[in-house]
Protein backbone atom coordinates (compact mmCIF):
# COMPACT_ATOMS: atom_id res chain seq x y z
CA MET A 1 172.39 108.76 158.66
CA ILE A 2 174.25 106.36 160.90
CA THR A 3 172.86 106.55 164.47
CA ARG A 4 173.40 103.03 165.82
CA PRO A 5 176.70 103.29 167.70
CA LEU A 6 175.57 106.20 169.92
CA ASP A 7 171.81 105.54 169.69
CA LEU A 8 171.18 109.06 168.33
CA SER A 9 167.81 108.16 166.80
CA ALA A 10 166.32 107.88 170.32
CA ARG A 11 167.32 111.49 171.06
CA LEU A 12 165.83 112.97 167.84
CA ARG A 13 162.34 114.44 167.66
CA PRO A 14 159.94 112.53 165.48
CA ALA A 15 159.19 113.99 162.06
CA PRO A 16 155.90 115.89 161.81
CA ARG A 17 153.09 113.90 160.25
CA SER A 18 151.85 116.35 157.61
CA LEU A 19 153.52 119.44 156.12
CA ASP A 20 151.28 119.69 153.07
CA VAL A 21 149.52 122.86 154.27
CA PHE A 22 152.80 124.70 154.90
CA PHE A 23 154.00 123.85 151.40
CA TYR A 24 150.95 125.47 149.79
CA VAL A 25 151.10 128.49 152.12
CA ASN A 26 154.78 128.98 151.28
CA VAL A 27 154.19 128.71 147.52
CA GLY A 28 151.25 131.13 147.78
CA PHE A 29 153.31 133.61 149.78
CA MET A 30 156.15 133.49 147.23
CA ALA A 31 153.71 134.04 144.35
CA LEU A 32 152.22 137.03 146.19
CA MET A 33 155.66 138.56 146.78
CA PHE A 34 156.69 138.13 143.13
CA SER A 35 153.45 139.71 141.91
CA LEU A 36 153.66 142.67 144.32
CA PHE A 37 157.36 143.43 144.29
CA GLY A 38 158.47 141.85 141.03
CA SER A 39 159.67 144.06 138.23
CA ARG A 40 159.82 143.19 134.58
CA PHE A 41 163.41 144.48 134.59
CA VAL A 42 164.39 142.19 137.47
CA LEU A 43 162.86 139.04 136.04
CA SER A 44 163.74 139.83 132.43
CA PRO A 45 166.57 142.37 132.36
CA GLY A 46 166.77 144.65 129.40
CA LEU A 47 166.46 148.20 128.28
CA GLY A 48 163.00 149.72 128.23
CA THR A 49 162.56 151.80 125.13
CA GLU A 50 159.24 153.42 125.93
CA PHE A 51 160.72 156.85 126.57
CA THR A 52 159.12 160.15 125.60
CA LEU A 53 160.32 162.20 122.67
CA PRO A 54 160.27 165.99 122.87
CA GLU A 55 157.36 167.74 121.20
CA ALA A 56 157.73 170.30 118.42
CA GLY A 57 155.03 172.24 116.62
CA ASP A 58 156.50 171.72 113.15
CA ALA A 59 157.83 168.19 113.69
CA LEU A 60 156.17 166.84 110.55
CA ALA A 61 157.32 169.73 108.37
CA GLN A 62 160.97 168.95 109.12
CA ALA A 63 160.64 165.20 108.44
CA ALA A 64 163.27 163.70 106.14
CA PRO A 65 164.48 160.18 105.36
CA THR A 66 167.53 159.06 107.35
CA ASP A 67 170.15 156.37 106.89
CA VAL A 68 171.18 155.59 110.48
CA VAL A 69 169.03 155.69 113.64
CA ILE A 70 170.23 155.79 117.26
CA ALA A 71 168.22 156.11 120.48
CA VAL A 72 169.61 158.01 123.46
CA ARG A 73 167.83 157.59 126.77
CA ARG A 74 170.31 159.22 129.16
CA THR A 75 173.83 160.59 129.31
CA ASP A 76 176.54 158.25 127.97
CA MET A 77 174.12 155.54 126.81
CA ALA A 78 172.94 154.96 123.25
CA LEU A 79 170.94 152.09 121.80
CA VAL A 80 172.02 151.14 118.27
CA GLU A 81 170.79 148.05 116.41
CA GLY A 82 170.12 146.15 119.62
CA ALA A 83 173.42 147.04 121.30
CA VAL A 84 173.90 149.46 124.19
CA LEU A 85 176.99 151.64 123.72
CA ASN A 86 178.62 154.42 125.71
CA PHE A 87 179.56 157.60 123.83
CA ALA A 88 183.20 156.54 123.26
CA ASP A 89 182.07 153.29 121.61
CA LEU A 90 179.31 155.15 119.78
CA GLU A 91 181.84 157.45 118.15
CA ARG A 92 183.76 154.45 116.76
CA TRP A 93 180.48 152.80 115.71
CA LEU A 94 179.36 155.92 113.83
CA ALA A 95 182.71 156.17 112.05
CA GLY A 96 182.45 152.52 111.01
CA ARG A 97 178.83 152.93 109.93
CA ALA A 98 179.63 155.95 107.75
CA GLY A 99 182.51 154.05 106.15
CA GLY A 100 183.73 157.02 104.12
CA ARG A 101 180.37 157.50 102.40
CA THR A 102 179.04 161.04 102.03
CA GLY A 103 175.54 162.42 102.29
CA LEU A 104 174.37 160.15 105.13
CA ARG A 105 171.90 161.51 107.65
CA LEU A 106 171.67 160.45 111.30
CA LEU A 107 168.37 160.34 113.22
CA ILE A 108 168.73 160.76 116.99
CA GLN A 109 165.75 159.59 119.05
CA ALA A 110 166.67 161.42 122.25
CA ASP A 111 164.59 161.22 125.40
CA ALA A 112 163.18 164.54 126.62
CA ALA A 113 165.50 164.27 129.65
CA VAL A 114 168.70 164.24 127.54
CA THR A 115 170.62 167.49 128.00
CA ALA A 116 171.52 169.94 125.24
CA GLN A 117 175.20 169.29 126.01
CA ASP A 118 174.72 165.61 125.13
CA ILE A 119 172.89 166.52 121.92
CA ALA A 120 175.77 168.84 120.98
CA GLN A 121 178.26 166.05 121.70
CA LEU A 122 176.27 163.67 119.47
CA HIS A 123 176.29 166.32 116.69
CA ARG A 124 180.08 166.62 117.03
CA MET A 125 180.53 162.84 116.87
CA ALA A 126 178.30 162.59 113.79
CA ALA A 127 180.14 165.40 112.02
CA GLY A 128 183.48 163.79 112.87
CA ALA A 129 182.27 160.46 111.48
CA GLY A 130 181.31 162.11 108.19
CA PHE A 131 177.53 162.43 108.43
CA ALA A 132 176.10 165.25 106.30
CA GLY A 133 173.19 165.98 108.64
CA VAL A 134 171.69 165.17 112.00
CA ILE A 135 167.96 165.10 112.66
CA ILE A 136 166.49 165.09 116.18
CA ALA A 137 163.29 163.03 116.47
CA ALA A 138 160.29 164.90 117.86
CA GLU A 139 156.59 164.26 118.25
CA PRO A 140 154.05 166.71 116.88
CA VAL A 141 152.29 168.72 119.57
CA ALA A 142 148.98 167.12 120.43
CA PRO A 143 146.03 169.44 119.86
CA GLU A 144 144.24 170.63 122.95
CA VAL A 145 140.91 168.96 123.57
CA ARG A 146 138.28 171.32 124.88
CA PRO A 147 135.22 169.90 126.59
């Protein structure tokens, strides 16, 4: 900084001698804030797939092999092969995946919070794409543990 013509350096405060303590306090405070208020979705954005499937008593009796699997967490959002699609894109994806083949079955891993209207819409899309059957994923009911 040029201060000679107006002698500005005489009017400035001298620099503090040691700021080492404030550096470590600041770094410690930032680490504390990230650990308390940080979220794994903020620091590494993505779609959490640890949602809960509905429970059904005869879930294992209705098990069958499927050809295509989609996961639906909420309305108008489906996770297919690592891509997140809305229902309009999902309908085109299903039609391309079926490719005119017959006898394909679709497995829908729907969250327990997904409405019956959305399930019906997914059934309609699968039937329109040419899928022969649709299976809804469910967990078997856990047996009650009595003490």
